[in-house]
Each structure stands twice: as structure tokens, then as C-alpha cells.
Amino acid sequence: MRWLRDLVKENPCVWVRCEDERLQGLFLIQAELEGFRALNGQWPTELENHRLYGITGDMTVGYLSSMCWSLTRRPSDEHVRVDYGKYYAGEDYRVE
């Protein structure tokens, strides 16, 4: 199994895309099981399902706007983007 905490060890800020409600729920459950919390202290499963999330090395998780996801897709951008469906399935998960 892949661990979200390993992603943020390698990269201080990771952006995660969950294409459907099933993946959104799986992501939030996994984040909670690994000890991530929202900035306001909520457990991830207390958050509403959303398509885009950010996770950080300080074990926080939060919503990410589609505008941020789209506007920062430049060659100089250092954000790591993850397709959670592929990540969960054990496939090549990076989104370019």
C-alpha cells in the first residue's frame, strides 16, 4: 500500500485530484488513518467531498481550488500533482 505521508516526506506540498465521490471518500479515509488533520483541526472525514486537495508535510489537508490547480501548471511550478485513482491502484500517478 502507498502512504500519503511518504508523498509529503519527498515533497513538502502535494496536490491531489480525486475524480469521483468514491475516490474522494477513500482519500479522506486514508488521510485520516494516517493522522492528517484539516487546518481547523477537523478530521478529514469531517470535510465535504471535494475534487482537489492539498496535503503538506506538517500533516494537514485542505481543499484546493480548481483555479489554483489550473493556473500553476507551468514548467517552473514545483507542485507535485497526484491522480489519486492511479495512486490508489498502484499505477504511475503523477499529473503533468
PDB file of N, CA and C in Angstrom:
ATOM      1  N   MET A   1       0.839  -1.185   0.000  1.00  0.00           N
ATOM      2  CA  MET A   1       0.000   0.000   0.000  1.00  0.00           C
ATOM      3  C   MET A   1       0.882   1.247   0.000  1.00  0.00           C
ATOM      4  N   ARG A   2       0.468   2.240  -0.728  1.00  0.00           N
ATOM      5  CA  ARG A   2       1.168   3.514  -0.749  1.00  0.00           C
ATOM      6  C   ARG A   2       0.658   4.398   0.379  1.00  0.00           C
ATOM      7  N   TRP A   3       1.560   5.199   0.934  1.00  0.00           N
ATOM      8  CA  TRP A   3       1.219   6.055   2.056  1.00  0.00           C
ATOM      9  C   TRP A   3       1.300   7.523   1.643  1.00  0.00           C
ATOM     10  N   LEU A   4       0.298   8.281   2.011  1.00  0.00           N
ATOM     11  CA  LEU A   4       0.292   9.713   1.736  1.00  0.00           C
ATOM     12  C   LEU A   4       1.437  10.406   2.460  1.00  0.00           C
ATOM     13  N   ARG A   5       1.730   9.952   3.659  1.00  0.00           N
ATOM     14  CA  ARG A   5       2.819  10.586   4.421  1.00  0.00           C
ATOM     15  C   ARG A   5       4.165  10.428   3.722  1.00  0.00           C
ATOM     16  N   ASP A   6       4.330   9.364   2.923  1.00  0.00           N
ATOM     17  CA  ASP A   6       5.563   9.218   2.147  1.00  0.00           C
ATOM     18  C   ASP A   6       5.640  10.255   1.031  1.00  0.00           C
ATOM     19  N   LEU A   7       4.487  10.596   0.451  1.00  0.00           N
ATOM     20  CA  LEU A   7       4.461  11.636  -0.580  1.00  0.00           C
ATOM     21  C   LEU A   7       4.945  12.971  -0.024  1.00  0.00           C
ATOM     22  N   VAL A   8       4.497  13.327   1.177  1.00  0.00           N
ATOM     23  CA  VAL A   8       4.876  14.628   1.732  1.00  0.00           C
ATOM     24  C   VAL A   8       6.257  14.605   2.374  1.00  0.00           C
ATOM     25  N   LYS A   9       6.830  13.437   2.580  1.00  0.00           N
ATOM     26  CA  LYS A   9       8.229  13.375   3.002  1.00  0.00           C
ATOM     27  C   LYS A   9       9.136  13.778   1.843  1.00  0.00           C
ATOM     28  N   GLU A  10       8.764  13.347   0.653  1.00  0.00           N
ATOM     29  CA  GLU A  10       9.546  13.641  -0.542  1.00  0.00           C
ATOM     30  C   GLU A  10       9.272  15.041  -1.071  1.00  0.00           C
ATOM     31  N   ASN A  11       8.057  15.543  -0.864  1.00  0.00           N
ATOM     32  CA  ASN A  11       7.614  16.833  -1.400  1.00  0.00           C
ATOM     33  C   ASN A  11       6.814  17.533  -0.311  1.00  0.00           C
ATOM     34  N   PRO A  12       7.213  18.728   0.102  1.00  0.00           N
ATOM     35  CA  PRO A  12       6.537  19.371   1.227  1.00  0.00           C
ATOM     36  C   PRO A  12       5.066  19.708   0.995  1.00  0.00           C
ATOM     37  N   CYS A  13       4.666  19.867  -0.266  1.00  0.00           N
ATOM     38  CA  CYS A  13       3.268  20.166  -0.568  1.00  0.00           C
ATOM     39  C   CYS A  13       2.853  19.365  -1.797  1.00  0.00           C
ATOM     40  N   VAL A  14       1.809  18.585  -1.644  1.00  0.00           N
ATOM     41  CA  VAL A  14       1.326  17.728  -2.726  1.00  0.00           C
ATOM     42  C   VAL A  14      -0.133  18.049  -2.985  1.00  0.00           C
ATOM     43  N   TRP A  15      -0.474  18.168  -4.250  1.00  0.00           N
ATOM     44  CA  TRP A  15      -1.855  18.411  -4.640  1.00  0.00           C
ATOM     45  C   TRP A  15      -2.444  17.118  -5.178  1.00  0.00           C
ATOM     46  N   VAL A  16      -3.641  16.786  -4.723  1.00  0.00           N
ATOM     47  CA  VAL A  16      -4.260  15.503  -5.029  1.00  0.00           C
ATOM     48  C   VAL A  16      -5.598  15.735  -5.737  1.00  0.00           C
ATOM     49  N   ARG A  17      -5.788  15.024  -6.863  1.00  0.00           N
ATOM     50  CA  ARG A  17      -7.051  15.096  -7.610  1.00  0.00           C
ATOM     51  C   ARG A  17      -7.805  13.786  -7.429  1.00  0.00           C
ATOM     52  N   CYS A  18      -9.061  13.889  -7.012  1.00  0.00           N
ATOM     53  CA  CYS A  18      -9.940  12.733  -6.840  1.00  0.00           C
ATOM     54  C   CYS A  18     -11.096  12.897  -7.827  1.00  0.00           C
ATOM     55  N   GLU A  19     -11.167  12.038  -8.812  1.00  0.00           N
ATOM     56  CA  GLU A  19     -12.104  12.217  -9.915  1.00  0.00           C
ATOM     57  C   GLU A  19     -13.575  11.971  -9.588  1.00  0.00           C
ATOM     58  N   ASP A  20     -13.856  11.168  -8.585  1.00  0.00           N
ATOM     59  CA  ASP A  20     -15.259  10.881  -8.279  1.00  0.00           C
ATOM     60  C   ASP A  20     -15.463  10.771  -6.772  1.00  0.00           C
ATOM     61  N   GLU A  21     -16.713  10.654  -6.373  1.00  0.00           N
ATOM     62  CA  GLU A  21     -17.035  10.624  -4.943  1.00  0.00           C
ATOM     63  C   GLU A  21     -16.432   9.421  -4.223  1.00  0.00           C
ATOM     64  N   ARG A  22     -16.363   8.293  -4.907  1.00  0.00           N
ATOM     65  CA  ARG A  22     -15.756   7.105  -4.280  1.00  0.00           C
ATOM     66  C   ARG A  22     -14.296   7.377  -3.939  1.00  0.00           C
ATOM     67  N   LEU A  23     -13.548   7.943  -4.885  1.00  0.00           N
ATOM     68  CA  LEU A  23     -12.143   8.253  -4.635  1.00  0.00           C
ATOM     69  C   LEU A  23     -11.982   9.347  -3.596  1.00  0.00           C
ATOM     70  N   GLN A  24     -12.882  10.319  -3.600  1.00  0.00           N
ATOM     71  CA  GLN A  24     -12.834  11.377  -2.593  1.00  0.00           C
ATOM     72  C   GLN A  24     -12.971  10.774  -1.198  1.00  0.00           C
ATOM     73  N   GLY A  25     -13.929   9.882  -1.044  1.00  0.00           N
ATOM     74  CA  GLY A  25     -14.123   9.225   0.245  1.00  0.00           C
ATOM     75  C   GLY A  25     -12.929   8.382   0.652  1.00  0.00           C
ATOM     76  N   LEU A  26     -12.372   7.626  -0.289  1.00  0.00           N
ATOM     77  CA  LEU A  26     -11.194   6.806   0.005  1.00  0.00           C
ATOM     78  C   LEU A  26     -10.009   7.664   0.414  1.00  0.00           C
ATOM     79  N   PHE A  27      -9.826   8.779  -0.296  1.00  0.00           N
ATOM     80  CA  PHE A  27      -8.722   9.678   0.036  1.00  0.00           C
ATOM     81  C   PHE A  27      -8.880  10.224   1.452  1.00  0.00           C
ATOM     82  N   LEU A  28     -10.076  10.692   1.793  1.00  0.00           N
ATOM     83  CA  LEU A  28     -10.293  11.275   3.113  1.00  0.00           C
ATOM     84  C   LEU A  28     -10.115  10.242   4.222  1.00  0.00           C
ATOM     85  N   ILE A  29     -10.566   9.026   3.981  1.00  0.00           N
ATOM     86  CA  ILE A  29     -10.371   7.956   4.975  1.00  0.00           C
ATOM     87  C   ILE A  29      -8.883   7.663   5.147  1.00  0.00           C
ATOM     88  N   GLN A  30      -8.159   7.537   4.028  1.00  0.00           N
ATOM     89  CA  GLN A  30      -6.729   7.256   4.121  1.00  0.00           C
ATOM     90  C   GLN A  30      -5.995   8.385   4.842  1.00  0.00           C
ATOM     91  N   ALA A  31      -6.319   9.625   4.496  1.00  0.00           N
ATOM     92  CA  ALA A  31      -5.671  10.763   5.150  1.00  0.00           C
ATOM     93  C   ALA A  31      -5.921  10.740   6.659  1.00  0.00           C
ATOM     94  N   GLU A  32      -7.138  10.420   7.046  1.00  0.00           N
ATOM     95  CA  GLU A  32      -7.459  10.368   8.477  1.00  0.00           C
ATOM     96  C   GLU A  32      -6.715   9.236   9.170  1.00  0.00           C
ATOM     97  N   LEU A  33      -6.687   8.064   8.556  1.00  0.00           N
ATOM     98  CA  LEU A  33      -5.984   6.921   9.149  1.00  0.00           C
ATOM     99  C   LEU A  33      -4.494   7.193   9.333  1.00  0.00           C
ATOM    100  N   GLU A  34      -3.942   8.027   8.461  1.00  0.00           N
ATOM    101  CA  GLU A  34      -2.521   8.359   8.560  1.00  0.00           C
ATOM    102  C   GLU A  34      -2.246   9.536   9.491  1.00  0.00           C
ATOM    103  N   GLY A  35      -3.295  10.149  10.032  1.00  0.00           N
ATOM    104  CA  GLY A  35      -3.116  11.205  11.014  1.00  0.00           C
ATOM    105  C   GLY A  35      -3.165  12.624  10.484  1.00  0.00           C
ATOM    106  N   PHE A  36      -3.572  12.808   9.243  1.00  0.00           N
ATOM    107  CA  PHE A  36      -3.723  14.161   8.717  1.00  0.00           C
ATOM    108  C   PHE A  36      -4.926  14.829   9.372  1.00  0.00           C
ATOM    109  N   ARG A  37      -4.849  16.146   9.510  1.00  0.00           N
ATOM    110  CA  ARG A  37      -5.960  16.952  10.035  1.00  0.00           C
ATOM    111  C   ARG A  37      -6.137  18.174   9.148  1.00  0.00           C
ATOM    112  N   ALA A  38      -7.352  18.700   9.121  1.00  0.00           N
ATOM    113  CA  ALA A  38      -7.606  19.962   8.427  1.00  0.00           C
ATOM    114  C   ALA A  38      -6.994  21.102   9.245  1.00  0.00           C
ATOM    115  N   LEU A  39      -6.803  22.242   8.628  1.00  0.00           N
ATOM    116  CA  LEU A  39      -6.201  23.381   9.321  1.00  0.00           C
ATOM    117  C   LEU A  39      -6.991  23.797  10.559  1.00  0.00           C
ATOM    118  N   ASN A  40      -8.310  23.585  10.536  1.00  0.00           N
ATOM    119  CA  ASN A  40      -9.144  23.954  11.687  1.00  0.00           C
ATOM    120  C   ASN A  40      -9.236  22.826  12.722  1.00  0.00           C
ATOM    121  N   GLY A  41      -8.478  21.760  12.535  1.00  0.00           N
ATOM    122  CA  GLY A  41      -8.459  20.658  13.497  1.00  0.00           C
ATOM    123  C   GLY A  41      -9.417  19.523  13.192  1.00  0.00           C
ATOM    124  N   GLN A  42     -10.279  19.703  12.189  1.00  0.00           N
ATOM    125  CA  GLN A  42     -11.222  18.638  11.841  1.00  0.00           C
ATOM    126  C   GLN A  42     -10.472  17.430  11.273  1.00  0.00           C
ATOM    127  N   TRP A  43     -11.072  16.269  11.474  1.00  0.00           N
ATOM    128  CA  TRP A  43     -10.578  15.075  10.805  1.00  0.00           C
ATOM    129  C   TRP A  43     -10.981  15.160   9.331  1.00  0.00           C
ATOM    130  N   PRO A  44     -10.185  14.585   8.451  1.00  0.00           N
ATOM    131  CA  PRO A  44     -10.514  14.647   7.022  1.00  0.00           C
ATOM    132  C   PRO A  44     -11.915  14.147   6.684  1.00  0.00           C
ATOM    133  N   THR A  45     -12.372  13.109   7.358  1.00  0.00           N
ATOM    134  CA  THR A  45     -13.705  12.585   7.030  1.00  0.00           C
ATOM    135  C   THR A  45     -14.823  13.520   7.474  1.00  0.00           C
ATOM    136  N   GLU A  46     -14.507  14.552   8.228  1.00  0.00           N
ATOM    137  CA  GLU A  46     -15.498  15.557   8.601  1.00  0.00           C
ATOM    138  C   GLU A  46     -15.624  16.634   7.519  1.00  0.00           C
ATOM    139  N   LEU A  47     -14.709  16.629   6.560  1.00  0.00           N
ATOM    140  CA  LEU A  47     -14.750  17.586   5.462  1.00  0.00           C
ATOM    141  C   LEU A  47     -15.732  17.114   4.404  1.00  0.00           C
ATOM    142  N   GLU A  48     -16.216  18.043   3.613  1.00  0.00           N
ATOM    143  CA  GLU A  48     -17.072  17.677   2.494  1.00  0.00           C
ATOM    144  C   GLU A  48     -16.219  17.074   1.384  1.00  0.00           C
ATOM    145  N   ASN A  49     -16.831  16.185   0.614  1.00  0.00           N
ATOM    146  CA  ASN A  49     -16.122  15.643  -0.539  1.00  0.00           C
ATOM    147  C   ASN A  49     -15.822  16.766  -1.514  1.00  0.00           C
ATOM    148  N   HIS A  50     -14.653  16.711  -2.058  1.00  0.00           N
ATOM    149  CA  HIS A  50     -14.183  17.737  -2.981  1.00  0.00           C
ATOM    150  C   HIS A  50     -13.304  17.045  -4.013  1.00  0.00           C
ATOM    151  N   ARG A  51     -13.108  17.660  -5.136  1.00  0.00           N
ATOM    152  CA  ARG A  51     -12.309  17.051  -6.196  1.00  0.00           C
ATOM    153  C   ARG A  51     -10.801  17.250  -6.000  1.00  0.00           C
ATOM    154  N   LEU A  52     -10.399  18.382  -5.421  1.00  0.00           N
ATOM    155  CA  LEU A  52      -8.983  18.721  -5.284  1.00  0.00           C
ATOM    156  C   LEU A  52      -8.621  19.014  -3.832  1.00  0.00           C
ATOM    157  N   TYR A  53      -7.491  18.452  -3.396  1.00  0.00           N
ATOM    158  CA  TYR A  53      -6.994  18.650  -2.037  1.00  0.00           C
ATOM    159  C   TYR A  53      -5.508  18.942  -2.072  1.00  0.00           C
ATOM    160  N   GLY A  54      -5.042  19.565  -1.012  1.00  0.00           N
ATOM    161  CA  GLY A  54      -3.613  19.723  -0.800  1.00  0.00           C
ATOM    162  C   GLY A  54      -3.255  19.050   0.506  1.00  0.00           C
ATOM    163  N   ILE A  55      -2.101  18.382   0.531  1.00  0.00           N
ATOM    164  CA  ILE A  55      -1.584  17.817   1.769  1.00  0.00           C
ATOM    165  C   ILE A  55      -0.163  18.326   1.947  1.00  0.00           C
ATOM    166  N   THR A  56       0.242  18.499   3.196  1.00  0.00           N
ATOM    167  CA  THR A  56       1.564  19.050   3.469  1.00  0.00           C
ATOM    168  C   THR A  56       2.321  18.207   4.483  1.00  0.00           C
ATOM    169  N   GLY A  57       3.612  18.474   4.564  1.00  0.00           N
ATOM    170  CA  GLY A  57       4.486  17.735   5.462  1.00  0.00           C
ATOM    171  C   GLY A  57       4.168  17.909   6.931  1.00  0.00           C
ATOM    172  N   ASP A  58       3.410  18.942   7.286  1.00  0.00           N
ATOM    173  CA  ASP A  58       3.011  19.092   8.690  1.00  0.00           C
ATOM    174  C   ASP A  58       1.708  18.354   8.984  1.00  0.00           C
ATOM    175  N   MET A  59       1.351  17.432   8.064  1.00  0.00           N
ATOM    176  CA  MET A  59       0.203  16.536   8.220  1.00  0.00           C
ATOM    177  C   MET A  59      -1.132  17.274   8.209  1.00  0.00           C
ATOM    178  N   THR A  60      -1.224  18.317   7.387  1.00  0.00           N
ATOM    179  CA  THR A  60      -2.501  18.989   7.212  1.00  0.00           C
ATOM    180  C   THR A  60      -3.057  18.680   5.830  1.00  0.00           C
ATOM    181  N   VAL A  61      -4.373  18.753   5.742  1.00  0.00           N
ATOM    182  CA  VAL A  61      -5.084  18.519   4.483  1.00  0.00           C
ATOM    183  C   VAL A  61      -6.113  19.628   4.329  1.00  0.00           C
ATOM    184  N   GLY A  62      -6.316  20.068   3.104  1.00  0.00           N
ATOM    185  CA  GLY A  62      -7.308  21.110   2.871  1.00  0.00           C
ATOM    186  C   GLY A  62      -7.771  21.110   1.434  1.00  0.00           C
ATOM    187  N   TYR A  63      -8.819  21.860   1.191  1.00  0.00           N
ATOM    188  CA  TYR A  63      -9.359  21.985  -0.155  1.00  0.00           C
ATOM    189  C   TYR A  63      -8.408  22.798  -1.017  1.00  0.00           C
ATOM    190  N   LEU A  64      -8.445  22.533  -2.297  1.00  0.00           N
ATOM    191  CA  LEU A  64      -7.662  23.279  -3.266  1.00  0.00           C
ATOM    192  C   LEU A  64      -8.614  23.731  -4.361  1.00  0.00           C
ATOM    193  N   SER A  65      -8.504  24.969  -4.768  1.00  0.00           N
ATOM    194  CA  SER A  65      -9.405  25.453  -5.813  1.00  0.00           C
ATOM    195  C   SER A  65      -8.938  24.981  -7.189  1.00  0.00           C
ATOM    196  N   SER A  66      -9.883  24.817  -8.076  1.00  0.00           N
ATOM    197  CA  SER A  66      -9.534  24.414  -9.446  1.00  0.00           C
ATOM    198  C   SER A  66      -8.751  25.523 -10.139  1.00  0.00           C
ATOM    199  N   MET A  67      -8.956  26.759  -9.735  1.00  0.00           N
ATOM    200  CA  MET A  67      -8.193  27.860 -10.320  1.00  0.00           C
ATOM    201  C   MET A  67      -6.708  27.721  -9.973  1.00  0.00           C
ATOM    202  N   CYS A  68      -6.403  27.428  -8.717  1.00  0.00           N
ATOM    203  CA  CYS A  68      -5.003  27.231  -8.321  1.00  0.00           C
ATOM    204  C   CYS A  68      -4.391  26.063  -9.075  1.00  0.00           C
ATOM    205  N   TRP A  69      -5.126  24.953  -9.153  1.00  0.00           N
ATOM    206  CA  TRP A  69      -4.646  23.772  -9.862  1.00  0.00           C
ATOM    207  C   TRP A  69      -4.303  24.128 -11.312  1.00  0.00           C
ATOM    208  N   SER A  70      -5.178  24.859 -11.971  1.00  0.00           N
ATOM    209  CA  SER A  70      -5.009  25.170 -13.389  1.00  0.00           C
ATOM    210  C   SER A  70      -3.964  26.245 -13.659  1.00  0.00           C
ATOM    211  N   LEU A  71      -3.965  27.298 -12.879  1.00  0.00           N
ATOM    212  CA  LEU A  71      -3.091  28.436 -13.159  1.00  0.00           C
ATOM    213  C   LEU A  71      -1.623  28.186 -12.852  1.00  0.00           C
ATOM    214  N   THR A  72      -1.335  27.213 -12.040  1.00  0.00           N
ATOM    215  CA  THR A  72       0.065  26.978 -11.682  1.00  0.00           C
ATOM    216  C   THR A  72       0.695  25.843 -12.476  1.00  0.00           C
ATOM    217  N   ARG A  73       0.094  25.468 -13.575  1.00  0.00           N
ATOM    218  CA  ARG A  73       0.648  24.386 -14.390  1.00  0.00           C
ATOM    219  C   ARG A  73       1.658  24.950 -15.384  1.00  0.00           C
ATOM    220  N   ARG A  74       2.753  25.412 -14.852  1.00  0.00           N
ATOM    221  CA  ARG A  74       3.828  25.970 -15.669  1.00  0.00           C
ATOM    222  C   ARG A  74       5.080  25.126 -15.459  1.00  0.00           C
ATOM    223  N   PRO A  75       5.998  25.141 -16.403  1.00  0.00           N
ATOM    224  CA  PRO A  75       7.227  24.347 -16.237  1.00  0.00           C
ATOM    225  C   PRO A  75       8.010  24.693 -14.977  1.00  0.00           C
ATOM    226  N   SER A  76       7.934  25.940 -14.549  1.00  0.00           N
ATOM    227  CA  SER A  76       8.688  26.347 -13.358  1.00  0.00           C
ATOM    228  C   SER A  76       7.984  25.988 -12.048  1.00  0.00           C
ATOM    229  N   ASP A  77       6.747  25.536 -12.127  1.00  0.00           N
ATOM    230  CA  ASP A  77       5.978  25.207 -10.928  1.00  0.00           C
ATOM    231  C   ASP A  77       6.511  23.932 -10.300  1.00  0.00           C
ATOM    232  N   GLU A  78       6.690  23.953  -8.993  1.00  0.00           N
ATOM    233  CA  GLU A  78       7.260  22.801  -8.284  1.00  0.00           C
ATOM    234  C   GLU A  78       6.219  21.948  -7.573  1.00  0.00           C
ATOM    235  N   HIS A  79       4.940  22.285  -7.711  1.00  0.00           N
ATOM    236  CA  HIS A  79       3.921  21.484  -7.045  1.00  0.00           C
ATOM    237  C   HIS A  79       3.855  20.090  -7.656  1.00  0.00           C
ATOM    238  N   VAL A  80       3.727  19.123  -6.806  1.00  0.00           N
ATOM    239  CA  VAL A  80       3.537  17.747  -7.254  1.00  0.00           C
ATOM    240  C   VAL A  80       2.045  17.495  -7.315  1.00  0.00           C
ATOM    241  N   ARG A  81       1.572  17.045  -8.468  1.00  0.00           N
ATOM    242  CA  ARG A  81       0.152  16.754  -8.657  1.00  0.00           C
ATOM    243  C   ARG A  81      -0.030  15.247  -8.767  1.00  0.00           C
ATOM    244  N   VAL A  82      -1.008  14.741  -8.028  1.00  0.00           N
ATOM    245  CA  VAL A  82      -1.232  13.302  -7.949  1.00  0.00           C
ATOM    246  C   VAL A  82      -2.662  12.986  -8.372  1.00  0.00           C
ATOM    247  N   ASP A  83      -2.804  12.017  -9.246  1.00  0.00           N
ATOM    248  CA  ASP A  83      -4.116  11.457  -9.583  1.00  0.00           C
ATOM    249  C   ASP A  83      -4.362  10.344  -8.560  1.00  0.00           C
ATOM    250  N   TYR A  84      -5.252  10.585  -7.612  1.00  0.00           N
ATOM    251  CA  TYR A  84      -5.434   9.638  -6.515  1.00  0.00           C
ATOM    252  C   TYR A  84      -5.938   8.276  -6.992  1.00  0.00           C
ATOM    253  N   GLY A  85      -6.746   8.247  -8.030  1.00  0.00           N
ATOM    254  CA  GLY A  85      -7.221   6.964  -8.558  1.00  0.00           C
ATOM    255  C   GLY A  85      -6.063   6.088  -9.010  1.00  0.00           C
ATOM    256  N   LYS A  86      -5.114   6.675  -9.709  1.00  0.00           N
ATOM    257  CA  LYS A  86      -3.931   5.933 -10.161  1.00  0.00           C
ATOM    258  C   LYS A  86      -3.014   5.609  -8.986  1.00  0.00           C
ATOM    259  N   TYR A  87      -2.870   6.544  -8.083  1.00  0.00           N
ATOM    260  CA  TYR A  87      -2.047   6.328  -6.892  1.00  0.00           C
ATOM    261  C   TYR A  87      -2.583   5.150  -6.084  1.00  0.00           C
ATOM    262  N   TYR A  88      -3.881   5.148  -5.865  1.00  0.00           N
ATOM    263  CA  TYR A  88      -4.534   4.096  -5.095  1.00  0.00           C
ATOM    264  C   TYR A  88      -4.395   2.736  -5.785  1.00  0.00           C
ATOM    265  N   ALA A  89      -4.440   2.737  -7.124  1.00  0.00           N
ATOM    266  CA  ALA A  89      -4.335   1.496  -7.888  1.00  0.00           C
ATOM    267  C   ALA A  89      -2.905   1.005  -8.060  1.00  0.00           C
ATOM    268  N   GLY A  90      -1.923   1.794  -7.599  1.00  0.00           N
ATOM    269  CA  GLY A  90      -0.532   1.389  -7.729  1.00  0.00           C
ATOM    270  C   GLY A  90       0.086   1.727  -9.070  1.00  0.00           C
ATOM    271  N   GLU A  91      -0.561   2.593  -9.823  1.00  0.00           N
ATOM    272  CA  GLU A  91      -0.066   2.964 -11.152  1.00  0.00           C
ATOM    273  C   GLU A  91       0.783   4.235 -11.060  1.00  0.00           C
ATOM    274  N   ASP A  92       1.342   4.634 -12.216  1.00  0.00           N
ATOM    275  CA  ASP A  92       2.055   5.904 -12.316  1.00  0.00           C
ATOM    276  C   ASP A  92       1.047   7.017 -12.072  1.00  0.00           C
ATOM    277  N   TYR A  93       1.240   7.807 -11.063  1.00  0.00           N
ATOM    278  CA  TYR A  93       0.204   8.704 -10.559  1.00  0.00           C
ATOM    279  C   TYR A  93       0.452  10.186 -10.786  1.00  0.00           C
ATOM    280  N   ARG A  94       1.594  10.564 -11.291  1.00  0.00           N
ATOM    281  CA  ARG A  94       1.879  11.993 -11.436  1.00  0.00           C
ATOM    282  C   ARG A  94       1.072  12.608 -12.565  1.00  0.00           C
ATOM    283  N   VAL A  95       0.543  13.800 -12.313  1.00  0.00           N
ATOM    284  CA  VAL A  95      -0.199  14.551 -13.325  1.00  0.00           C
ATOM    285  C   VAL A  95       0.727  15.679 -13.792  1.00  0.00           C
ATOM    286  N   GLU A  96       0.946  15.745 -15.066  1.00  0.00           N
ATOM    287  CA  GLU A  96       1.815  16.800 -15.627  1.00  0.00           C
ATOM    288  C   GLU A  96       0.997  17.950 -16.108  1.00  0.00           C
TER     289      GLU A  96
END
